[in-house]
Amino acid sequence: MLGWALTFLIIAIIAGIFGFGGIAAASVGIAKLLFFVFLVLFILAAFFHVIRGKTPPPPA
């Protein structure tokens, strides 16, 4: 998902350079949305990892 956010950010930068304001604004909006979704999922995953703690090693 972070890759998609970076992709849309690059599209926004390229569109901004060439003067396509509407496309650049839409790409920036999508990139921001994906970044924040990724950030929330990362924080939730880190929180649940801390709560669960270390798992025991598998039996040999």
Protein backbone atom coordinates (compact mmCIF):
# COMPACT_ATOMS: atom_id res chain seq x y z
CA MET A 1 0.00 0.00 0.00
CA LEU A 2 2.90 2.32 0.67
CA GLY A 3 4.07 1.58 -2.86
CA TRP A 4 0.73 2.78 -4.23
CA ALA A 5 0.97 5.97 -2.19
CA LEU A 6 4.45 6.65 -3.56
CA THR A 7 3.24 5.89 -7.11
CA PHE A 8 0.41 8.41 -6.86
CA LEU A 9 2.78 10.95 -5.33
CA ILE A 10 5.15 10.58 -8.29
CA ILE A 11 2.22 10.90 -10.70
CA ALA A 12 1.18 14.08 -8.88
CA ILE A 13 4.67 15.55 -9.12
CA ILE A 14 4.95 14.77 -12.84
CA ALA A 15 1.45 16.13 -13.51
CA GLY A 16 2.27 19.27 -11.53
CA ILE A 17 5.43 19.84 -13.56
CA PHE A 18 3.49 19.62 -16.83
CA GLY A 19 0.70 21.86 -15.53
CA PHE A 20 -2.14 19.37 -15.17
CA GLY A 21 -3.59 20.84 -11.98
CA GLY A 22 -6.66 18.63 -11.70
CA ILE A 23 -4.75 15.40 -12.17
CA ALA A 24 -2.04 16.54 -9.75
CA ALA A 25 -4.59 17.46 -7.09
CA ALA A 26 -6.42 14.15 -7.46
CA SER A 27 -3.16 12.18 -7.30
CA VAL A 28 -2.04 14.05 -4.19
CA GLY A 29 -5.39 13.35 -2.54
CA ILE A 30 -5.15 9.64 -3.30
CA ALA A 31 -1.53 9.52 -2.12
CA LYS A 32 -2.46 11.21 1.17
CA LEU A 33 -5.38 8.87 1.73
CA LEU A 34 -3.30 5.76 1.05
CA PHE A 35 -0.48 7.03 3.25
CA PHE A 36 -2.76 7.61 6.22
CA VAL A 37 -4.47 4.23 5.75
CA PHE A 38 -1.02 2.61 5.67
CA LEU A 39 0.03 4.55 8.77
CA VAL A 40 -3.08 3.48 10.73
CA LEU A 41 -2.60 -0.17 9.73
CA PHE A 42 1.07 0.01 10.75
CA ILE A 43 0.22 1.48 14.16
CA LEU A 44 -2.46 -1.17 14.73
CA ALA A 45 -0.09 -3.97 13.74
CA ALA A 46 2.62 -2.61 16.06
CA PHE A 47 0.12 -2.25 18.91
CA PHE A 48 -1.15 -5.82 18.56
CA HIS A 49 2.41 -7.11 18.28
CA VAL A 50 3.29 -5.47 21.60
CA ILE A 51 0.11 -6.80 23.23
CA ARG A 52 0.70 -10.37 22.05
CA GLY A 53 4.34 -10.40 23.01
CA LYS A 54 6.72 -13.05 21.81
CA THR A 55 5.32 -16.35 20.65
CA PRO A 56 6.93 -19.53 21.92
CA PRO A 57 9.25 -21.33 19.53
CA PRO A 58 7.71 -24.20 17.56
CA PRO A 59 8.25 -27.71 18.96
CA ALA A 60 11.21 -29.56 17.48
